[in-house]
Amino acid sequence: MTYSHTQRGYLHVLPGVICLLLVIFTLTGASPAPVLLLGSVFMGLLCLGFAQLTVRGEAESLLVAFGPLSLFQRRVAYADIERIEAERSDILDGFGIHWLPRRGWIWNLWGMDCVNLHLAGDRSLRVGTDDPQGLVAFLEAELAQEPA
C-alpha cells in the first residue's frame, strides 16, 4: 500500500503578496532600505516553505514535509511508531512547527484534523492533515507489516 497526500494552505498568501509589493517598492527606488529588500525576500521564502504540507509513505519511514520549497521536513521510522490516533487539535495547538508541553511536536498547516503518532520514548508527533482516516489506514497497514 502506498500513501501520498498534499494539503494546501492559504495563510501564506497575504504575507507573500506583501513581500512581493515590498520587493517591487524597494527595486523601483520607492524605499531605499536594502534591509527591507532582504527581509522581504526572506519572508517570501518562508511563505513558499509553508504553502503546503505533504505526507508520504516511504520504504522504511513516513515523510512529513512543508513546501513547495522544502525547507522543513521530518522522517519518522515506522519502527518508532507505537500507536496512532486520529484527533482534533484545538486553537492552542496552532499552525506551523512547534513543541508544546504535554502535547509534543505538531506539524500543522491548516485546520484542526490531525493524526497523533505516539513514538518510542514517550514522544509524540501530531501531523495536521485534511485526510486523517486515509493516513491512519495507511499507517495501520504499514505497522501490521512490521516485524514485532
N, C-alpha and C. Protein backbone atom coordinates (compact mmCIF):
# COMPACT_ATOMS: atom_id res chain seq x y z
N MET A 1 0.85 -1.18 0.00
CA MET A 1 0.00 0.00 0.00
C MET A 1 0.90 1.25 0.00
N THR A 2 0.53 2.23 -0.80
CA THR A 2 1.28 3.48 -0.83
C THR A 2 0.39 4.63 -0.37
N TYR A 3 1.02 5.68 0.08
CA TYR A 3 0.27 6.85 0.53
C TYR A 3 1.06 8.11 0.21
N SER A 4 0.40 9.07 -0.38
CA SER A 4 0.97 10.38 -0.61
C SER A 4 -0.18 11.37 -0.67
N HIS A 5 -0.14 12.36 0.20
CA HIS A 5 -1.22 13.34 0.25
C HIS A 5 -0.61 14.72 0.51
N THR A 6 -1.04 15.70 -0.28
CA THR A 6 -0.59 17.07 -0.12
C THR A 6 -1.77 17.95 0.23
N GLN A 7 -1.64 18.63 1.34
CA GLN A 7 -2.65 19.59 1.79
C GLN A 7 -2.14 20.98 1.47
N ARG A 8 -2.97 21.79 0.86
CA ARG A 8 -2.58 23.15 0.52
C ARG A 8 -3.15 24.13 1.54
N GLY A 9 -2.34 25.09 1.92
CA GLY A 9 -2.76 26.10 2.88
C GLY A 9 -2.97 27.43 2.21
N TYR A 10 -3.55 28.34 2.95
CA TYR A 10 -3.86 29.65 2.39
C TYR A 10 -3.35 30.79 3.25
N LEU A 11 -2.79 30.50 4.40
CA LEU A 11 -2.30 31.55 5.29
C LEU A 11 -1.07 32.25 4.73
N HIS A 12 -0.38 31.64 3.80
CA HIS A 12 0.84 32.22 3.25
C HIS A 12 0.57 33.27 2.17
N VAL A 13 -0.63 33.37 1.65
CA VAL A 13 -0.92 34.23 0.51
C VAL A 13 -0.75 35.71 0.86
N LEU A 14 -1.36 36.18 1.92
CA LEU A 14 -1.29 37.60 2.27
C LEU A 14 0.14 38.05 2.57
N PRO A 15 0.90 37.34 3.43
CA PRO A 15 2.30 37.76 3.63
C PRO A 15 3.11 37.69 2.34
N GLY A 16 2.82 36.72 1.48
CA GLY A 16 3.52 36.62 0.20
C GLY A 16 3.27 37.82 -0.69
N VAL A 17 2.03 38.28 -0.75
CA VAL A 17 1.70 39.46 -1.55
C VAL A 17 2.38 40.70 -0.96
N ILE A 18 2.36 40.83 0.35
CA ILE A 18 3.02 41.97 0.99
C ILE A 18 4.52 41.96 0.69
N CYS A 19 5.13 40.79 0.76
CA CYS A 19 6.56 40.68 0.47
C CYS A 19 6.85 41.06 -0.98
N LEU A 20 6.03 40.60 -1.89
CA LEU A 20 6.21 40.94 -3.30
C LEU A 20 6.10 42.44 -3.52
N LEU A 21 5.13 43.08 -2.90
CA LEU A 21 4.97 44.53 -3.03
C LEU A 21 6.17 45.27 -2.45
N LEU A 22 6.68 44.80 -1.31
CA LEU A 22 7.85 45.44 -0.70
C LEU A 22 9.08 45.30 -1.59
N VAL A 23 9.25 44.15 -2.22
CA VAL A 23 10.37 43.95 -3.14
C VAL A 23 10.24 44.91 -4.32
N ILE A 24 9.04 45.02 -4.88
CA ILE A 24 8.82 45.94 -6.00
C ILE A 24 9.11 47.38 -5.59
N PHE A 25 8.61 47.82 -4.44
CA PHE A 25 8.86 49.18 -3.96
C PHE A 25 10.35 49.42 -3.76
N THR A 26 11.05 48.43 -3.23
CA THR A 26 12.48 48.59 -2.98
C THR A 26 13.25 48.66 -4.29
N LEU A 27 12.93 47.80 -5.25
CA LEU A 27 13.66 47.77 -6.52
C LEU A 27 13.37 48.99 -7.38
N THR A 28 12.19 49.59 -7.24
CA THR A 28 11.86 50.77 -8.03
C THR A 28 12.35 52.06 -7.38
N GLY A 29 12.98 51.97 -6.25
CA GLY A 29 13.53 53.14 -5.58
C GLY A 29 12.55 53.82 -4.64
N ALA A 30 11.37 53.27 -4.47
CA ALA A 30 10.39 53.88 -3.57
C ALA A 30 10.81 53.74 -2.12
N SER A 31 11.62 52.72 -1.83
CA SER A 31 12.12 52.52 -0.47
C SER A 31 13.61 52.26 -0.57
N PRO A 32 14.45 53.07 0.04
CA PRO A 32 15.89 52.94 -0.11
C PRO A 32 16.53 51.89 0.80
N ALA A 33 15.76 51.21 1.59
CA ALA A 33 16.34 50.32 2.60
C ALA A 33 16.64 48.93 2.04
N PRO A 34 17.95 48.58 1.90
CA PRO A 34 18.29 47.22 1.46
C PRO A 34 17.86 46.17 2.46
N VAL A 35 17.78 46.55 3.73
CA VAL A 35 17.34 45.62 4.77
C VAL A 35 15.88 45.21 4.51
N LEU A 36 15.09 46.16 4.02
CA LEU A 36 13.70 45.86 3.68
C LEU A 36 13.63 44.83 2.56
N LEU A 37 14.51 44.97 1.57
CA LEU A 37 14.55 44.01 0.47
C LEU A 37 14.93 42.63 0.97
N LEU A 38 15.98 42.55 1.78
CA LEU A 38 16.42 41.25 2.30
C LEU A 38 15.35 40.61 3.19
N GLY A 39 14.73 41.42 4.03
CA GLY A 39 13.66 40.91 4.88
C GLY A 39 12.48 40.41 4.07
N SER A 40 12.15 41.13 3.01
CA SER A 40 11.03 40.73 2.16
C SER A 40 11.32 39.42 1.43
N VAL A 41 12.55 39.29 0.94
CA VAL A 41 12.93 38.05 0.25
C VAL A 41 12.89 36.89 1.24
N PHE A 42 13.41 37.10 2.45
CA PHE A 42 13.39 36.05 3.48
C PHE A 42 11.96 35.63 3.81
N MET A 43 11.08 36.61 4.02
CA MET A 43 9.68 36.28 4.34
C MET A 43 9.00 35.60 3.16
N GLY A 44 9.34 36.01 1.96
CA GLY A 44 8.77 35.35 0.77
C GLY A 44 9.18 33.89 0.69
N LEU A 45 10.45 33.61 1.01
CA LEU A 45 10.91 32.21 1.02
C LEU A 45 10.19 31.41 2.10
N LEU A 46 9.98 32.02 3.26
CA LEU A 46 9.23 31.32 4.31
C LEU A 46 7.80 31.04 3.87
N CYS A 47 7.19 31.99 3.16
CA CYS A 47 5.83 31.76 2.65
C CYS A 47 5.80 30.57 1.70
N LEU A 48 6.82 30.46 0.83
CA LEU A 48 6.90 29.31 -0.06
C LEU A 48 7.18 28.02 0.71
N GLY A 49 7.87 28.14 1.83
CA GLY A 49 8.17 26.97 2.65
C GLY A 49 6.96 26.43 3.39
N PHE A 50 5.92 27.24 3.58
CA PHE A 50 4.74 26.81 4.33
C PHE A 50 3.45 26.87 3.50
N ALA A 51 3.56 26.73 2.20
CA ALA A 51 2.38 26.80 1.34
C ALA A 51 1.62 25.48 1.28
N GLN A 52 2.29 24.37 1.56
CA GLN A 52 1.63 23.07 1.53
C GLN A 52 2.34 22.11 2.47
N LEU A 53 1.63 21.05 2.84
CA LEU A 53 2.18 20.02 3.71
C LEU A 53 1.96 18.68 3.03
N THR A 54 3.05 17.99 2.74
CA THR A 54 2.97 16.68 2.09
C THR A 54 3.32 15.60 3.09
N VAL A 55 2.48 14.57 3.13
CA VAL A 55 2.74 13.39 3.96
C VAL A 55 2.83 12.21 3.00
N ARG A 56 3.97 11.51 3.01
CA ARG A 56 4.19 10.43 2.04
C ARG A 56 4.81 9.23 2.73
N GLY A 57 4.27 8.08 2.42
CA GLY A 57 4.84 6.83 2.92
C GLY A 57 6.03 6.43 2.07
N GLU A 58 7.14 6.13 2.72
CA GLU A 58 8.33 5.66 2.03
C GLU A 58 8.62 4.25 2.50
N ALA A 59 9.70 3.67 2.03
CA ALA A 59 10.00 2.26 2.32
C ALA A 59 10.07 1.97 3.82
N GLU A 60 10.81 2.77 4.57
CA GLU A 60 11.02 2.49 5.99
C GLU A 60 10.47 3.58 6.91
N SER A 61 9.95 4.66 6.33
CA SER A 61 9.55 5.79 7.16
C SER A 61 8.42 6.59 6.53
N LEU A 62 7.86 7.47 7.35
CA LEU A 62 6.85 8.41 6.92
C LEU A 62 7.52 9.77 6.78
N LEU A 63 7.36 10.39 5.62
CA LEU A 63 7.92 11.71 5.37
C LEU A 63 6.84 12.76 5.58
N VAL A 64 7.15 13.77 6.38
CA VAL A 64 6.27 14.91 6.59
C VAL A 64 7.07 16.13 6.16
N ALA A 65 6.61 16.84 5.11
CA ALA A 65 7.41 17.92 4.55
C ALA A 65 6.55 19.11 4.17
N PHE A 66 6.95 20.29 4.63
CA PHE A 66 6.33 21.51 4.17
C PHE A 66 6.96 21.87 2.83
N GLY A 67 6.25 22.63 2.01
CA GLY A 67 6.79 23.02 0.72
C GLY A 67 5.90 24.03 0.05
N PRO A 68 6.06 24.28 -1.23
CA PRO A 68 6.85 23.53 -2.21
C PRO A 68 8.36 23.73 -2.09
N LEU A 69 8.79 24.81 -1.46
CA LEU A 69 10.20 24.99 -1.17
C LEU A 69 10.47 24.21 0.11
N SER A 70 11.08 23.05 -0.02
CA SER A 70 11.18 22.10 1.08
C SER A 70 12.27 22.50 2.08
N LEU A 71 11.95 23.48 2.91
CA LEU A 71 12.88 23.92 3.94
C LEU A 71 12.78 23.07 5.20
N PHE A 72 11.60 22.55 5.46
CA PHE A 72 11.35 21.82 6.70
C PHE A 72 10.74 20.46 6.37
N GLN A 73 11.42 19.39 6.77
CA GLN A 73 10.88 18.05 6.59
C GLN A 73 11.36 17.15 7.72
N ARG A 74 10.59 16.12 7.94
CA ARG A 74 10.91 15.18 9.01
C ARG A 74 10.51 13.77 8.57
N ARG A 75 11.36 12.82 8.89
CA ARG A 75 11.07 11.41 8.62
C ARG A 75 10.89 10.70 9.95
N VAL A 76 9.85 9.86 10.00
CA VAL A 76 9.58 9.07 11.20
C VAL A 76 9.61 7.60 10.78
N ALA A 77 10.52 6.86 11.36
CA ALA A 77 10.63 5.43 11.04
C ALA A 77 9.37 4.71 11.55
N TYR A 78 8.85 3.82 10.71
CA TYR A 78 7.66 3.06 11.12
C TYR A 78 7.95 2.27 12.40
N ALA A 79 9.19 1.82 12.57
CA ALA A 79 9.56 1.04 13.76
C ALA A 79 9.45 1.87 15.04
N ASP A 80 9.51 3.20 14.93
CA ASP A 80 9.41 4.07 16.10
C ASP A 80 7.98 4.38 16.50
N ILE A 81 7.02 4.06 15.64
CA ILE A 81 5.62 4.38 15.92
C ILE A 81 5.00 3.26 16.75
N GLU A 82 4.52 3.60 17.93
CA GLU A 82 3.91 2.61 18.82
C GLU A 82 2.39 2.58 18.72
N ARG A 83 1.80 3.75 18.47
CA ARG A 83 0.33 3.85 18.43
C ARG A 83 -0.06 5.04 17.57
N ILE A 84 -1.25 4.97 16.96
CA ILE A 84 -1.74 6.02 16.07
C ILE A 84 -3.17 6.37 16.48
N GLU A 85 -3.48 7.68 16.49
CA GLU A 85 -4.84 8.11 16.79
C GLU A 85 -5.20 9.30 15.90
N ALA A 86 -6.38 9.24 15.31
CA ALA A 86 -6.92 10.42 14.63
C ALA A 86 -7.52 11.31 15.72
N GLU A 87 -7.19 12.58 15.68
CA GLU A 87 -7.64 13.51 16.72
C GLU A 87 -8.05 14.84 16.09
N ARG A 88 -8.55 15.70 16.95
CA ARG A 88 -8.82 17.09 16.57
C ARG A 88 -7.94 17.96 17.45
N SER A 89 -7.20 18.83 16.84
CA SER A 89 -6.39 19.77 17.62
C SER A 89 -7.28 20.93 18.04
N ASP A 90 -6.75 21.79 18.88
CA ASP A 90 -7.51 22.98 19.26
C ASP A 90 -6.69 24.21 18.94
N ILE A 91 -7.24 25.36 19.24
CA ILE A 91 -6.60 26.62 18.88
C ILE A 91 -5.24 26.78 19.57
N LEU A 92 -5.04 26.15 20.72
CA LEU A 92 -3.75 26.22 21.41
C LEU A 92 -2.65 25.50 20.64
N ASP A 93 -3.02 24.50 19.85
CA ASP A 93 -2.02 23.78 19.06
C ASP A 93 -1.48 24.65 17.93
N GLY A 94 -2.30 25.51 17.37
CA GLY A 94 -1.85 26.44 16.35
C GLY A 94 -1.44 25.78 15.05
N PHE A 95 -0.67 26.52 14.28
CA PHE A 95 -0.22 26.08 12.96
C PHE A 95 1.28 26.21 12.87
N GLY A 96 1.88 25.51 11.93
CA GLY A 96 3.33 25.55 11.75
C GLY A 96 4.00 24.38 12.43
N ILE A 97 5.24 24.59 12.86
CA ILE A 97 6.03 23.56 13.53
C ILE A 97 6.39 24.08 14.91
N HIS A 98 5.99 23.36 15.93
CA HIS A 98 6.38 23.76 17.28
C HIS A 98 6.13 22.63 18.27
N TRP A 99 6.67 22.80 19.45
CA TRP A 99 6.55 21.83 20.54
C TRP A 99 5.78 22.47 21.67
N LEU A 100 4.86 21.70 22.25
CA LEU A 100 4.10 22.16 23.41
C LEU A 100 4.23 21.14 24.54
N PRO A 101 4.37 21.60 25.78
CA PRO A 101 4.44 20.66 26.90
C PRO A 101 3.19 19.77 26.95
N ARG A 102 3.38 18.52 27.27
CA ARG A 102 2.33 17.50 27.40
C ARG A 102 1.59 17.21 26.09
N ARG A 103 1.95 17.88 25.00
CA ARG A 103 1.33 17.61 23.70
C ARG A 103 2.36 17.13 22.70
N GLY A 104 3.61 17.49 22.89
CA GLY A 104 4.66 17.09 21.97
C GLY A 104 4.76 18.01 20.76
N TRP A 105 5.36 17.48 19.70
CA TRP A 105 5.55 18.23 18.47
C TRP A 105 4.28 18.23 17.65
N ILE A 106 4.03 19.34 16.97
CA ILE A 106 2.93 19.41 16.00
C ILE A 106 3.47 20.02 14.72
N TRP A 107 3.11 19.41 13.61
CA TRP A 107 3.39 19.92 12.27
C TRP A 107 2.03 20.08 11.63
N ASN A 108 1.56 21.30 11.53
CA ASN A 108 0.19 21.54 11.06
C ASN A 108 0.18 22.73 10.11
N LEU A 109 -0.56 22.60 9.04
CA LEU A 109 -0.66 23.65 8.04
C LEU A 109 -1.97 24.41 8.15
N TRP A 110 -3.07 23.67 8.27
CA TRP A 110 -4.37 24.31 8.16
C TRP A 110 -5.41 23.35 8.73
N GLY A 111 -6.34 23.85 9.50
CA GLY A 111 -7.43 23.02 10.00
C GLY A 111 -7.12 22.39 11.34
N MET A 112 -8.09 21.65 11.84
CA MET A 112 -7.97 21.06 13.18
C MET A 112 -7.79 19.55 13.18
N ASP A 113 -7.97 18.88 12.04
CA ASP A 113 -7.79 17.43 11.99
C ASP A 113 -6.30 17.10 12.02
N CYS A 114 -5.95 16.07 12.78
CA CYS A 114 -4.57 15.65 12.85
C CYS A 114 -4.51 14.16 13.21
N VAL A 115 -3.33 13.60 13.02
CA VAL A 115 -3.06 12.22 13.42
C VAL A 115 -1.92 12.28 14.43
N ASN A 116 -2.17 11.73 15.61
CA ASN A 116 -1.17 11.72 16.66
C ASN A 116 -0.37 10.43 16.57
N LEU A 117 0.93 10.58 16.33
CA LEU A 117 1.82 9.43 16.29
C LEU A 117 2.50 9.33 17.65
N HIS A 118 2.18 8.31 18.40
CA HIS A 118 2.83 8.06 19.69
C HIS A 118 4.10 7.28 19.39
N LEU A 119 5.24 7.88 19.70
CA LEU A 119 6.52 7.32 19.32
C LEU A 119 7.22 6.70 20.52
N ALA A 120 8.22 5.89 20.24
CA ALA A 120 9.03 5.27 21.28
C ALA A 120 9.66 6.36 22.15
N GLY A 121 9.83 6.06 23.41
CA GLY A 121 10.43 7.01 24.33
C GLY A 121 9.46 8.06 24.82
N ASP A 122 8.18 7.74 24.80
CA ASP A 122 7.13 8.65 25.29
C ASP A 122 7.13 9.99 24.57
N ARG A 123 7.43 9.93 23.26
CA ARG A 123 7.39 11.13 22.43
C ARG A 123 6.11 11.11 21.60
N SER A 124 5.76 12.29 21.09
CA SER A 124 4.54 12.41 20.30
C SER A 124 4.78 13.37 19.15
N LEU A 125 4.20 13.04 18.00
CA LEU A 125 4.21 13.92 16.83
C LEU A 125 2.80 13.98 16.29
N ARG A 126 2.22 15.16 16.28
CA ARG A 126 0.88 15.36 15.73
C ARG A 126 1.04 15.95 14.34
N VAL A 127 0.50 15.25 13.34
CA VAL A 127 0.60 15.66 11.95
C VAL A 127 -0.76 16.17 11.50
N GLY A 128 -0.85 17.45 11.19
CA GLY A 128 -2.09 18.01 10.68
C GLY A 128 -2.37 17.50 9.28
N THR A 129 -3.63 17.19 9.01
CA THR A 129 -4.00 16.68 7.69
C THR A 129 -5.49 16.88 7.45
N ASP A 130 -5.85 16.99 6.19
CA ASP A 130 -7.28 17.02 5.85
C ASP A 130 -7.73 15.63 5.39
N ASP A 131 -6.88 14.62 5.63
CA ASP A 131 -7.20 13.22 5.31
C ASP A 131 -6.79 12.31 6.48
N PRO A 132 -7.36 12.54 7.68
CA PRO A 132 -6.91 11.74 8.83
C PRO A 132 -7.23 10.25 8.69
N GLN A 133 -8.39 9.91 8.13
CA GLN A 133 -8.76 8.49 8.01
C GLN A 133 -7.82 7.76 7.04
N GLY A 134 -7.47 8.42 5.94
CA GLY A 134 -6.55 7.81 4.97
C GLY A 134 -5.17 7.59 5.55
N LEU A 135 -4.67 8.57 6.30
CA LEU A 135 -3.35 8.44 6.91
C LEU A 135 -3.35 7.36 7.99
N VAL A 136 -4.38 7.31 8.80
CA VAL A 136 -4.47 6.27 9.84
C VAL A 136 -4.53 4.88 9.19
N ALA A 137 -5.34 4.72 8.17
CA ALA A 137 -5.46 3.43 7.48
C ALA A 137 -4.11 3.00 6.89
N PHE A 138 -3.42 3.93 6.26
CA PHE A 138 -2.11 3.61 5.70
C PHE A 138 -1.13 3.19 6.79
N LEU A 139 -1.05 3.96 7.87
CA LEU A 139 -0.10 3.65 8.93
C LEU A 139 -0.43 2.33 9.63
N GLU A 140 -1.71 2.07 9.84
CA GLU A 140 -2.09 0.79 10.45
C GLU A 140 -1.67 -0.37 9.56
N ALA A 141 -1.83 -0.23 8.25
CA ALA A 141 -1.40 -1.29 7.32
C ALA A 141 0.12 -1.45 7.35
N GLU A 142 0.84 -0.34 7.39
CA GLU A 142 2.31 -0.40 7.45
C GLU A 142 2.79 -1.04 8.75
N LEU A 143 2.18 -0.67 9.86
CA LEU A 143 2.60 -1.22 11.15
C LEU A 143 2.26 -2.70 11.27
N ALA A 144 1.20 -3.12 10.60
CA ALA A 144 0.82 -4.54 10.64
C ALA A 144 1.86 -5.38 9.90
N GLN A 145 2.57 -4.78 8.94
CA GLN A 145 3.61 -5.49 8.18
C GLN A 145 4.94 -5.52 8.91
N GLU A 146 5.13 -4.59 9.86
CA GLU A 146 6.41 -4.51 10.58
C GLU A 146 6.60 -5.75 11.45
N PRO A 147 7.80 -6.32 11.47
CA PRO A 147 8.05 -7.45 12.38
C PRO A 147 8.05 -6.97 13.82
N ALA A 148 7.46 -7.74 14.71
CA ALA A 148 7.34 -7.35 16.12
C ALA A 148 8.62 -7.56 16.88
